[in-house]
Amino acid sequence: MSELASLTTAWYDANARDLPWRAPDVGAWPVLISEFMLQQTPVVRVLPVWREWVARWPSPADLAAEDSGEAIRAWGRLGYPRRAMRLHACAVALVDRHGGQVPRRLDQMLALPGVGDYTARAVLAFAYGQRHPVVDTNVRRVAARAVTGAPDAGAATTPADLTLVESLLPATDQEAARASAAFMELGAVLCTARAPRCTACPVRTHCAWHRSGGVLPAGPSRKPQRYAGTDRQVRGLLLAVLRHAPGPVAKPALDVVWADAAQRERALASLLADGLVVPRGERFGLPGRSPADL
C-alpha cells in the first residue's frame, strides 16, 4: 500500500462521516442511487431524498415498474432533474438486461443509461469492493496536490488522472476500495478547494503542494455557477408546479411562476425537449400516465 493510501485510510477509518450508503450491508442498488444523487449536490440535501427513494423503491424492479414521471416527482428539489429520468432508465435496463441486479463488470456498468466513468467505478468499488480508480473532483484535487504539487487538477478528468490515482491504490481489492473512499472523503472534508485544513490533514508531511507553501490561486479555480434568474431556476419553478399537481395543469398555472414571458417559454420548451414535461392536449404534465389519464 502506498504511504498516501495508508495514511489516508487510517484517517478515514477514524473520521469518516456516518453516511447510510456506506453501511456494509446496504447493497449495490442504494449505492447506485446515492451516486446519481450526489452528482453536483451536497450530501445534506441528498440524505432525506435518498432515504425516501430507498424506502419506496428498494430494488431496481420497484422503480422500473413506475412511470418516469414519478421519479421526477420524487426527485424533489435536488436539481438537474434529468438525473431522475436517467436513474429510472437505468432501473429499467437493470431489469431488462441483468435480472434486476446491479452488474459487477465495468463494461456492463458503463453500458447502463446515465452511468459514466466515475459512477461505474464508484459503484463497483463501494458496493462490491473492487479495485478501480474512483476519480471525482475531490480525488483529483487530493492527487494533484499531494503528488504533483499543483493547487488544483484542472477542469475535467483526463486519462492521466485515472492513471495517477490507480498508481496510489493498494494492490488488493478491499484495501483499494477503502482507499478510494478515503481519498474522496479527504478531498470533501479537509483538502477542499478554497479553505483546505492542512493542519488536520493526515498526509500533509507527504504533500508536495503543502511542502511548497500551499499557495492557492488568487481567484476561484472554477467560476461559480449562477442560479438566480437563470433558465435553470425557471425550469425548477415550472417543474415544481407539475410535481405538486394531482394531474396535468393548464398553461396559466405555469405562466404565473415567472414574469419574463420569453424566458418562461424558453424554459418550458427546454423541459419539453428533455422529456421532463409532456403536452397533454392543452395542458402539461410529467411523463408517464397521469391520474387524469386513468
C-alpha atoms as a PDB file:
ATOM      1  CA  MET A   1       0.000   0.000   0.000  1.00  0.00           C
ATOM      2  CA  SER A   2       1.306   3.467  -0.875  1.00  0.00           C
ATOM      3  CA  GLU A   3       2.099   5.772   2.033  1.00  0.00           C
ATOM      4  CA  LEU A   4      -0.611   8.191   0.886  1.00  0.00           C
ATOM      5  CA  ALA A   5      -3.211   5.419   0.787  1.00  0.00           C
ATOM      6  CA  SER A   6      -2.127   4.012   4.149  1.00  0.00           C
ATOM      7  CA  LEU A   7      -2.247   7.327   5.970  1.00  0.00           C
ATOM      8  CA  THR A   8      -5.494   8.440   4.347  1.00  0.00           C
ATOM      9  CA  THR A   9      -7.225   5.127   5.025  1.00  0.00           C
ATOM     10  CA  ALA A  10      -6.198   5.191   8.688  1.00  0.00           C
ATOM     11  CA  TRP A  11      -7.580   8.726   8.979  1.00  0.00           C
ATOM     12  CA  TYR A  12     -10.774   7.659   7.187  1.00  0.00           C
ATOM     13  CA  ASP A  13     -11.304   4.689   9.493  1.00  0.00           C
ATOM     14  CA  ALA A  14     -11.238   7.058  12.465  1.00  0.00           C
ATOM     15  CA  ASN A  15     -13.029  10.074  10.999  1.00  0.00           C
ATOM     16  CA  ALA A  16     -15.344   9.074   8.142  1.00  0.00           C
ATOM     17  CA  ARG A  17     -18.798  10.607   8.146  1.00  0.00           C
ATOM     18  CA  ASP A  18     -21.557   8.155   9.052  1.00  0.00           C
ATOM     19  CA  LEU A  19     -23.449   8.081   5.748  1.00  0.00           C
ATOM     20  CA  PRO A  20     -26.131   5.432   5.222  1.00  0.00           C
ATOM     21  CA  TRP A  21     -24.943   4.337   1.784  1.00  0.00           C
ATOM     22  CA  ARG A  22     -21.614   3.402   3.370  1.00  0.00           C
ATOM     23  CA  ALA A  23     -23.170   0.735   5.600  1.00  0.00           C
ATOM     24  CA  PRO A  24     -21.569  -2.652   4.820  1.00  0.00           C
ATOM     25  CA  ASP A  25     -24.901  -4.351   4.066  1.00  0.00           C
ATOM     26  CA  VAL A  26     -26.598  -1.535   2.184  1.00  0.00           C
ATOM     27  CA  GLY A  27     -26.483  -3.209  -1.239  1.00  0.00           C
ATOM     28  CA  ALA A  28     -25.414  -2.093  -4.697  1.00  0.00           C
ATOM     29  CA  TRP A  29     -28.739  -0.514  -5.737  1.00  0.00           C
ATOM     30  CA  PRO A  30     -28.849   2.017  -2.865  1.00  0.00           C
ATOM     31  CA  VAL A  31     -25.189   2.831  -3.568  1.00  0.00           C
ATOM     32  CA  LEU A  32     -26.056   3.445  -7.229  1.00  0.00           C
ATOM     33  CA  ILE A  33     -28.929   5.724  -6.208  1.00  0.00           C
ATOM     34  CA  SER A  34     -26.574   7.709  -3.966  1.00  0.00           C
ATOM     35  CA  GLU A  35     -24.043   8.181  -6.755  1.00  0.00           C
ATOM     36  CA  PHE A  36     -26.699   9.563  -9.106  1.00  0.00           C
ATOM     37  CA  MET A  37     -27.975  11.930  -6.432  1.00  0.00           C
ATOM     38  CA  LEU A  38     -24.584  13.150  -5.225  1.00  0.00           C
ATOM     39  CA  GLN A  39     -23.600  14.478  -8.640  1.00  0.00           C
ATOM     40  CA  GLN A  40     -23.308  18.260  -8.143  1.00  0.00           C
ATOM     41  CA  THR A  41     -25.467  18.071  -4.997  1.00  0.00           C
ATOM     42  CA  PRO A  42     -24.356  18.371  -1.338  1.00  0.00           C
ATOM     43  CA  VAL A  43     -24.715  15.394   0.993  1.00  0.00           C
ATOM     44  CA  VAL A  44     -27.053  17.263   3.350  1.00  0.00           C
ATOM     45  CA  ARG A  45     -29.612  17.717   0.568  1.00  0.00           C
ATOM     46  CA  VAL A  46     -29.250  14.160  -0.711  1.00  0.00           C
ATOM     47  CA  LEU A  47     -29.756  12.359   2.606  1.00  0.00           C
ATOM     48  CA  PRO A  48     -33.549  12.767   3.073  1.00  0.00           C
ATOM     49  CA  VAL A  49     -34.342  12.152  -0.599  1.00  0.00           C
ATOM     50  CA  TRP A  50     -32.083   9.079  -0.729  1.00  0.00           C
ATOM     51  CA  ARG A  51     -33.848   7.614   2.292  1.00  0.00           C
ATOM     52  CA  GLU A  52     -37.246   8.195   0.674  1.00  0.00           C
ATOM     53  CA  TRP A  53     -36.163   6.548  -2.586  1.00  0.00           C
ATOM     54  CA  VAL A  54     -34.625   3.514  -0.913  1.00  0.00           C
ATOM     55  CA  ALA A  55     -37.740   3.015   1.194  1.00  0.00           C
ATOM     56  CA  ARG A  56     -40.103   3.445  -1.757  1.00  0.00           C
ATOM     57  CA  TRP A  57     -38.042   1.635  -4.392  1.00  0.00           C
ATOM     58  CA  PRO A  58     -35.802  -0.879  -2.594  1.00  0.00           C
ATOM     59  CA  SER A  59     -34.924  -2.652  -5.850  1.00  0.00           C
ATOM     60  CA  PRO A  60     -34.459  -1.638  -9.499  1.00  0.00           C
ATOM     61  CA  ALA A  61     -37.628  -3.557 -10.366  1.00  0.00           C
ATOM     62  CA  ASP A  62     -39.656  -1.402  -7.966  1.00  0.00           C
ATOM     63  CA  LEU A  63     -38.562   1.798  -9.685  1.00  0.00           C
ATOM     64  CA  ALA A  64     -38.792   0.320 -13.191  1.00  0.00           C
ATOM     65  CA  ALA A  65     -42.441  -0.551 -12.545  1.00  0.00           C
ATOM     66  CA  GLU A  66     -43.256   3.135 -12.025  1.00  0.00           C
ATOM     67  CA  ASP A  67     -43.611   5.839 -14.650  1.00  0.00           C
ATOM     68  CA  SER A  68     -40.592   8.069 -15.140  1.00  0.00           C
ATOM     69  CA  GLY A  69     -42.804  10.967 -14.048  1.00  0.00           C
ATOM     70  CA  GLU A  70     -42.933   9.505 -10.545  1.00  0.00           C
ATOM     71  CA  ALA A  71     -39.133   9.521 -10.428  1.00  0.00           C
ATOM     72  CA  ILE A  72     -39.143  13.196 -11.398  1.00  0.00           C
ATOM     73  CA  ARG A  73     -41.788  13.930  -8.779  1.00  0.00           C
ATOM     74  CA  ALA A  74     -39.831  12.129  -6.053  1.00  0.00           C
ATOM     75  CA  TRP A  75     -36.587  13.840  -7.072  1.00  0.00           C
ATOM     76  CA  GLY A  76     -37.945  16.996  -5.493  1.00  0.00           C
ATOM     77  CA  ARG A  77     -35.588  19.962  -5.404  1.00  0.00           C
ATOM     78  CA  LEU A  78     -32.299  18.082  -5.791  1.00  0.00           C
ATOM     79  CA  GLY A  79     -31.698  19.871  -9.079  1.00  0.00           C
ATOM     80  CA  TYR A  80     -30.654  18.616 -12.513  1.00  0.00           C
ATOM     81  CA  PRO A  81     -33.850  16.514 -12.778  1.00  0.00           C
ATOM     82  CA  ARG A  82     -32.664  14.737 -15.910  1.00  0.00           C
ATOM     83  CA  ARG A  83     -30.728  12.593 -13.428  1.00  0.00           C
ATOM     84  CA  ALA A  84     -34.078  11.253 -12.187  1.00  0.00           C
ATOM     85  CA  MET A  85     -35.066  10.227 -15.707  1.00  0.00           C
ATOM     86  CA  ARG A  86     -31.685   8.607 -16.284  1.00  0.00           C
ATOM     87  CA  LEU A  87     -31.883   6.730 -12.996  1.00  0.00           C
ATOM     88  CA  HIS A  88     -35.322   5.467 -13.965  1.00  0.00           C
ATOM     89  CA  ALA A  89     -33.983   4.383 -17.372  1.00  0.00           C
ATOM     90  CA  CYS A  90     -31.083   2.711 -15.579  1.00  0.00           C
ATOM     91  CA  ALA A  91     -33.518   0.742 -13.402  1.00  0.00           C
ATOM     92  CA  VAL A  92     -35.417  -0.412 -16.492  1.00  0.00           C
ATOM     93  CA  ALA A  93     -32.145  -1.517 -18.104  1.00  0.00           C
ATOM     94  CA  LEU A  94     -31.114  -3.401 -14.963  1.00  0.00           C
ATOM     95  CA  VAL A  95     -34.380  -5.326 -15.066  1.00  0.00           C
ATOM     96  CA  ASP A  96     -34.233  -5.983 -18.808  1.00  0.00           C
ATOM     97  CA  ARG A  97     -30.538  -6.872 -19.074  1.00  0.00           C
ATOM     98  CA  HIS A  98     -29.401  -8.072 -15.659  1.00  0.00           C
ATOM     99  CA  GLY A  99     -32.372  -9.646 -13.925  1.00  0.00           C
ATOM    100  CA  GLY A 100     -32.873  -6.625 -11.715  1.00  0.00           C
ATOM    101  CA  GLN A 101     -29.350  -6.761 -10.280  1.00  0.00           C
ATOM    102  CA  VAL A 102     -26.541  -4.199 -10.468  1.00  0.00           C
ATOM    103  CA  PRO A 103     -23.798  -5.880 -12.543  1.00  0.00           C
ATOM    104  CA  ARG A 104     -20.280  -6.484 -11.269  1.00  0.00           C
ATOM    105  CA  ARG A 105     -18.426  -5.862 -14.549  1.00  0.00           C
ATOM    106  CA  LEU A 106     -17.150  -2.453 -15.607  1.00  0.00           C
ATOM    107  CA  ASP A 107     -18.209  -2.831 -19.249  1.00  0.00           C
ATOM    108  CA  GLN A 108     -21.751  -3.738 -18.202  1.00  0.00           C
ATOM    109  CA  MET A 109     -21.918  -0.804 -15.799  1.00  0.00           C
ATOM    110  CA  LEU A 110     -20.713   1.624 -18.459  1.00  0.00           C
ATOM    111  CA  ALA A 111     -23.430   0.393 -20.843  1.00  0.00           C
ATOM    112  CA  LEU A 112     -26.214   1.436 -18.451  1.00  0.00           C
ATOM    113  CA  PRO A 113     -28.144   4.679 -19.112  1.00  0.00           C
ATOM    114  CA  GLY A 114     -26.805   7.631 -17.159  1.00  0.00           C
ATOM    115  CA  VAL A 115     -23.723   5.764 -15.906  1.00  0.00           C
ATOM    116  CA  GLY A 116     -20.370   7.288 -16.836  1.00  0.00           C
ATOM    117  CA  ASP A 117     -16.770   6.518 -15.981  1.00  0.00           C
ATOM    118  CA  TYR A 118     -16.944   7.868 -12.444  1.00  0.00           C
ATOM    119  CA  THR A 119     -20.290   6.368 -11.440  1.00  0.00           C
ATOM    120  CA  ALA A 120     -19.456   2.923 -12.833  1.00  0.00           C
ATOM    121  CA  ARG A 121     -16.179   2.698 -10.943  1.00  0.00           C
ATOM    122  CA  ALA A 122     -17.625   4.200  -7.769  1.00  0.00           C
ATOM    123  CA  VAL A 123     -20.411   1.626  -7.568  1.00  0.00           C
ATOM    124  CA  LEU A 124     -18.057  -1.284  -8.271  1.00  0.00           C
ATOM    125  CA  ALA A 125     -15.633  -0.045  -5.614  1.00  0.00           C
ATOM    126  CA  PHE A 126     -18.073   0.989  -2.897  1.00  0.00           C
ATOM    127  CA  ALA A 127     -20.734  -1.703  -3.398  1.00  0.00           C
ATOM    128  CA  TYR A 128     -18.592  -4.652  -4.460  1.00  0.00           C
ATOM    129  CA  GLY A 129     -15.186  -3.793  -3.019  1.00  0.00           C
ATOM    130  CA  GLN A 130     -13.397  -3.874  -6.372  1.00  0.00           C
ATOM    131  CA  ARG A 131     -10.133  -2.143  -7.257  1.00  0.00           C
ATOM    132  CA  HIS A 132     -10.857   0.805  -9.551  1.00  0.00           C
ATOM    133  CA  PRO A 133      -9.572   4.388  -9.665  1.00  0.00           C
ATOM    134  CA  VAL A 134     -12.612   6.333  -8.474  1.00  0.00           C
ATOM    135  CA  VAL A 135     -11.853   9.843  -9.649  1.00  0.00           C
ATOM    136  CA  ASP A 136     -14.110  12.782  -8.898  1.00  0.00           C
ATOM    137  CA  THR A 137     -13.222  16.446  -8.353  1.00  0.00           C
ATOM    138  CA  ASN A 138     -12.220  15.840  -4.742  1.00  0.00           C
ATOM    139  CA  VAL A 139      -9.948  12.890  -5.538  1.00  0.00           C
ATOM    140  CA  ARG A 140      -8.328  14.722  -8.438  1.00  0.00           C
ATOM    141  CA  ARG A 141      -7.553  17.655  -6.163  1.00  0.00           C
ATOM    142  CA  VAL A 142      -6.022  15.424  -3.476  1.00  0.00           C
ATOM    143  CA  ALA A 143      -3.856  13.605  -6.014  1.00  0.00           C
ATOM    144  CA  ALA A 144      -2.784  16.813  -7.750  1.00  0.00           C
ATOM    145  CA  ARG A 145      -1.751  18.488  -4.509  1.00  0.00           C
ATOM    146  CA  ALA A 146      -0.123  15.509  -2.832  1.00  0.00           C
ATOM    147  CA  VAL A 147       1.740  14.119  -5.836  1.00  0.00           C
ATOM    148  CA  THR A 148       2.316  16.884  -8.398  1.00  0.00           C
ATOM    149  CA  GLY A 149       2.276  19.928  -6.106  1.00  0.00           C
ATOM    150  CA  ALA A 150      -0.418  21.686  -8.145  1.00  0.00           C
ATOM    151  CA  PRO A 151      -3.142  23.553  -6.210  1.00  0.00           C
ATOM    152  CA  ASP A 152      -5.857  22.033  -8.409  1.00  0.00           C
ATOM    153  CA  ALA A 153      -6.234  19.407 -11.113  1.00  0.00           C
ATOM    154  CA  GLY A 154      -7.962  21.404 -13.846  1.00  0.00           C
ATOM    155  CA  ALA A 155     -11.470  21.448 -15.188  1.00  0.00           C
ATOM    156  CA  ALA A 156     -12.012  17.895 -16.432  1.00  0.00           C
ATOM    157  CA  THR A 157     -10.916  14.357 -15.646  1.00  0.00           C
ATOM    158  CA  THR A 158      -8.282  13.009 -18.036  1.00  0.00           C
ATOM    159  CA  PRO A 159      -6.779   9.539 -18.601  1.00  0.00           C
ATOM    160  CA  ALA A 160      -3.714  10.813 -16.748  1.00  0.00           C
ATOM    161  CA  ASP A 161      -5.872  11.391 -13.658  1.00  0.00           C
ATOM    162  CA  LEU A 162      -7.079   7.790 -13.750  1.00  0.00           C
ATOM    163  CA  THR A 163      -3.518   6.522 -14.152  1.00  0.00           C
ATOM    164  CA  LEU A 164      -2.234   8.660 -11.291  1.00  0.00           C
ATOM    165  CA  VAL A 165      -4.973   7.668  -8.860  1.00  0.00           C
ATOM    166  CA  GLU A 166      -4.699   3.996  -9.768  1.00  0.00           C
ATOM    167  CA  SER A 167      -0.973   4.145  -9.007  1.00  0.00           C
ATOM    168  CA  LEU A 168      -1.830   5.251  -5.458  1.00  0.00           C
ATOM    169  CA  LEU A 169      -4.206   2.351  -4.759  1.00  0.00           C
ATOM    170  CA  PRO A 170      -3.197  -0.729  -2.774  1.00  0.00           C
ATOM    171  CA  ALA A 171      -2.884  -3.968  -4.729  1.00  0.00           C
ATOM    172  CA  THR A 172      -5.745  -5.864  -3.068  1.00  0.00           C
ATOM    173  CA  ASP A 173      -9.365  -5.163  -3.955  1.00  0.00           C
ATOM    174  CA  GLN A 174     -10.747  -4.470  -0.485  1.00  0.00           C
ATOM    175  CA  GLU A 175      -7.860  -2.214   0.558  1.00  0.00           C
ATOM    176  CA  ALA A 176      -8.076  -0.351  -2.759  1.00  0.00           C
ATOM    177  CA  ALA A 177     -11.816   0.201  -2.386  1.00  0.00           C
ATOM    178  CA  ARG A 178     -11.292   1.511   1.125  1.00  0.00           C
ATOM    179  CA  ALA A 179      -8.542   3.843  -0.082  1.00  0.00           C
ATOM    180  CA  SER A 180     -10.815   5.139  -2.857  1.00  0.00           C
ATOM    181  CA  ALA A 181     -13.437   6.101  -0.289  1.00  0.00           C
ATOM    182  CA  ALA A 182     -10.738   7.634   1.916  1.00  0.00           C
ATOM    183  CA  PHE A 183      -9.283   9.811  -0.848  1.00  0.00           C
ATOM    184  CA  MET A 184     -12.754  11.072  -1.675  1.00  0.00           C
ATOM    185  CA  GLU A 185     -13.540  11.854   1.965  1.00  0.00           C
ATOM    186  CA  LEU A 186     -10.250  13.657   2.431  1.00  0.00           C
ATOM    187  CA  GLY A 187     -10.976  15.927  -0.526  1.00  0.00           C
ATOM    188  CA  ALA A 188     -14.530  16.600   0.605  1.00  0.00           C
ATOM    189  CA  VAL A 189     -13.756  17.309   4.275  1.00  0.00           C
ATOM    190  CA  LEU A 190     -10.158  18.563   4.631  1.00  0.00           C
ATOM    191  CA  CYS A 191      -8.466  19.085   1.267  1.00  0.00           C
ATOM    192  CA  THR A 192     -11.141  21.448  -0.005  1.00  0.00           C
ATOM    193  CA  ALA A 193     -10.740  23.796  -2.946  1.00  0.00           C
ATOM    194  CA  ARG A 194     -10.740  27.176  -1.195  1.00  0.00           C
ATOM    195  CA  ALA A 195     -10.203  26.505   2.533  1.00  0.00           C
ATOM    196  CA  PRO A 196      -8.054  23.399   2.997  1.00  0.00           C
ATOM    197  CA  ARG A 197      -7.461  22.360   6.601  1.00  0.00           C
ATOM    198  CA  CYS A 198      -3.851  21.346   6.145  1.00  0.00           C
ATOM    199  CA  THR A 199      -3.059  21.252   9.865  1.00  0.00           C
ATOM    200  CA  ALA A 200      -5.549  18.386  10.281  1.00  0.00           C
ATOM    201  CA  CYS A 201      -4.537  16.534   7.120  1.00  0.00           C
ATOM    202  CA  PRO A 202      -3.017  13.066   7.649  1.00  0.00           C
ATOM    203  CA  VAL A 203      -0.747  13.371   4.591  1.00  0.00           C
ATOM    204  CA  ARG A 204       0.479  16.959   4.986  1.00  0.00           C
ATOM    205  CA  THR A 205       4.126  15.920   5.509  1.00  0.00           C
ATOM    206  CA  HIS A 206       3.930  13.872   2.291  1.00  0.00           C
ATOM    207  CA  CYS A 207       2.057  16.514   0.269  1.00  0.00           C
ATOM    208  CA  ALA A 208       4.113  18.208  -2.437  1.00  0.00           C
ATOM    209  CA  TRP A 209       1.790  21.227  -2.527  1.00  0.00           C
ATOM    210  CA  HIS A 210       1.921  21.721   1.254  1.00  0.00           C
ATOM    211  CA  ARG A 211       5.724  21.413   1.257  1.00  0.00           C
ATOM    212  CA  SER A 212       5.927  24.066  -1.462  1.00  0.00           C
ATOM    213  CA  GLY A 213       3.984  26.529   0.692  1.00  0.00           C
ATOM    214  CA  GLY A 214       0.394  25.600  -0.136  1.00  0.00           C
ATOM    215  CA  VAL A 215      -0.350  28.786  -2.069  1.00  0.00           C
ATOM    216  CA  LEU A 216      -3.855  28.938  -3.534  1.00  0.00           C
ATOM    217  CA  PRO A 217      -4.642  30.729  -6.817  1.00  0.00           C
ATOM    218  CA  ALA A 218      -5.753  34.334  -6.388  1.00  0.00           C
ATOM    219  CA  GLY A 219      -9.214  33.700  -7.825  1.00  0.00           C
ATOM    220  CA  PRO A 220     -11.616  30.764  -7.753  1.00  0.00           C
ATOM    221  CA  SER A 221     -10.412  27.696  -9.630  1.00  0.00           C
ATOM    222  CA  ARG A 222     -13.821  27.489 -11.229  1.00  0.00           C
ATOM    223  CA  LYS A 223     -16.275  30.249 -11.915  1.00  0.00           C
ATOM    224  CA  PRO A 224     -19.274  29.674  -9.598  1.00  0.00           C
ATOM    225  CA  GLN A 225     -22.449  28.804 -11.452  1.00  0.00           C
ATOM    226  CA  ARG A 226     -25.099  31.483 -11.075  1.00  0.00           C
ATOM    227  CA  TYR A 227     -28.606  30.174 -10.326  1.00  0.00           C
ATOM    228  CA  ALA A 228     -30.854  33.123  -9.500  1.00  0.00           C
ATOM    229  CA  GLY A 229     -32.546  34.468 -12.591  1.00  0.00           C
ATOM    230  CA  THR A 230     -31.290  31.729 -14.903  1.00  0.00           C
ATOM    231  CA  ASP A 231     -33.300  29.444 -17.167  1.00  0.00           C
ATOM    232  CA  ARG A 232     -32.383  26.664 -14.732  1.00  0.00           C
ATOM    233  CA  GLN A 233     -34.237  28.451 -11.944  1.00  0.00           C
ATOM    234  CA  VAL A 234     -37.279  28.948 -14.177  1.00  0.00           C
ATOM    235  CA  ARG A 235     -37.208  25.272 -15.176  1.00  0.00           C
ATOM    236  CA  GLY A 236     -37.218  24.356 -11.492  1.00  0.00           C
ATOM    237  CA  LEU A 237     -40.196  26.599 -10.775  1.00  0.00           C
ATOM    238  CA  LEU A 238     -42.178  25.128 -13.668  1.00  0.00           C
ATOM    239  CA  LEU A 239     -41.380  21.573 -12.606  1.00  0.00           C
ATOM    240  CA  ALA A 240     -42.378  22.363  -9.021  1.00  0.00           C
ATOM    241  CA  VAL A 241     -45.885  23.219 -10.212  1.00  0.00           C
ATOM    242  CA  LEU A 242     -46.178  19.905 -12.035  1.00  0.00           C
ATOM    243  CA  ARG A 243     -44.672  17.838  -9.212  1.00  0.00           C
ATOM    244  CA  HIS A 244     -47.258  19.101  -6.757  1.00  0.00           C
ATOM    245  CA  ALA A 245     -50.252  18.943  -9.113  1.00  0.00           C
ATOM    246  CA  PRO A 246     -52.538  15.857  -8.999  1.00  0.00           C
ATOM    247  CA  GLY A 247     -52.703  15.832 -12.795  1.00  0.00           C
ATOM    248  CA  PRO A 248     -51.913  17.884 -15.913  1.00  0.00           C
ATOM    249  CA  VAL A 249     -52.159  21.648 -15.479  1.00  0.00           C
ATOM    250  CA  ALA A 250     -53.309  24.390 -17.808  1.00  0.00           C
ATOM    251  CA  LYS A 251     -50.836  26.891 -19.191  1.00  0.00           C
ATOM    252  CA  PRO A 252     -51.958  29.791 -16.951  1.00  0.00           C
ATOM    253  CA  ALA A 253     -50.848  27.814 -13.883  1.00  0.00           C
ATOM    254  CA  LEU A 254     -47.344  27.772 -15.328  1.00  0.00           C
ATOM    255  CA  ASP A 255     -47.377  31.357 -16.543  1.00  0.00           C
ATOM    256  CA  VAL A 256     -47.704  32.771 -13.040  1.00  0.00           C
ATOM    257  CA  VAL A 257     -44.368  31.400 -11.811  1.00  0.00           C
ATOM    258  CA  TRP A 258     -42.169  33.816 -13.804  1.00  0.00           C
ATOM    259  CA  ALA A 259     -42.870  37.289 -15.147  1.00  0.00           C
ATOM    260  CA  ASP A 260     -40.500  37.240 -18.130  1.00  0.00           C
ATOM    261  CA  ALA A 261     -42.636  35.541 -20.788  1.00  0.00           C
ATOM    262  CA  ALA A 262     -39.789  34.974 -23.247  1.00  0.00           C
ATOM    263  CA  GLN A 263     -37.592  33.307 -20.639  1.00  0.00           C
ATOM    264  CA  ARG A 264     -40.515  31.313 -19.294  1.00  0.00           C
ATOM    265  CA  GLU A 265     -41.371  29.980 -22.746  1.00  0.00           C
ATOM    266  CA  ARG A 266     -37.728  29.152 -23.404  1.00  0.00           C
ATOM    267  CA  ALA A 267     -37.504  27.202 -20.145  1.00  0.00           C
ATOM    268  CA  LEU A 268     -40.716  25.332 -20.867  1.00  0.00           C
ATOM    269  CA  ALA A 269     -39.544  24.475 -24.372  1.00  0.00           C
ATOM    270  CA  SER A 270     -36.323  23.050 -22.963  1.00  0.00           C
ATOM    271  CA  LEU A 271     -38.257  20.913 -20.468  1.00  0.00           C
ATOM    272  CA  LEU A 272     -40.395  19.583 -23.301  1.00  0.00           C
ATOM    273  CA  ALA A 273     -37.298  18.860 -25.394  1.00  0.00           C
ATOM    274  CA  ASP A 274     -35.709  16.978 -22.498  1.00  0.00           C
ATOM    275  CA  GLY A 275     -38.841  14.888 -21.968  1.00  0.00           C
ATOM    276  CA  LEU A 276     -39.233  16.146 -18.408  1.00  0.00           C
ATOM    277  CA  VAL A 277     -42.598  17.690 -19.329  1.00  0.00           C
ATOM    278  CA  VAL A 278     -45.104  16.349 -21.857  1.00  0.00           C
ATOM    279  CA  PRO A 279     -48.057  18.084 -23.502  1.00  0.00           C
ATOM    280  CA  ARG A 280     -51.477  16.608 -22.724  1.00  0.00           C
ATOM    281  CA  GLY A 281     -53.878  18.305 -25.081  1.00  0.00           C
ATOM    282  CA  GLU A 282     -53.898  21.932 -23.973  1.00  0.00           C
ATOM    283  CA  ARG A 283     -52.333  21.019 -20.628  1.00  0.00           C
ATOM    284  CA  PHE A 284     -48.895  19.961 -19.436  1.00  0.00           C
ATOM    285  CA  GLY A 285     -47.777  17.185 -17.118  1.00  0.00           C
ATOM    286  CA  LEU A 286     -44.952  14.903 -16.089  1.00  0.00           C
ATOM    287  CA  PRO A 287     -44.123  11.948 -18.370  1.00  0.00           C
ATOM    288  CA  GLY A 288     -45.976   8.666 -17.962  1.00  0.00           C
ATOM    289  CA  ARG A 289     -49.595   8.146 -17.098  1.00  0.00           C
ATOM    290  CA  SER A 290     -51.149  10.939 -15.119  1.00  0.00           C
ATOM    291  CA  PRO A 291     -54.042  10.394 -12.690  1.00  0.00           C
ATOM    292  CA  ALA A 292     -56.295  12.184 -15.179  1.00  0.00           C
ATOM    293  CA  ASP A 293     -55.450   9.588 -17.833  1.00  0.00           C
ATOM    294  CA  LEU A 294     -56.586   6.621 -15.718  1.00  0.00           C
END
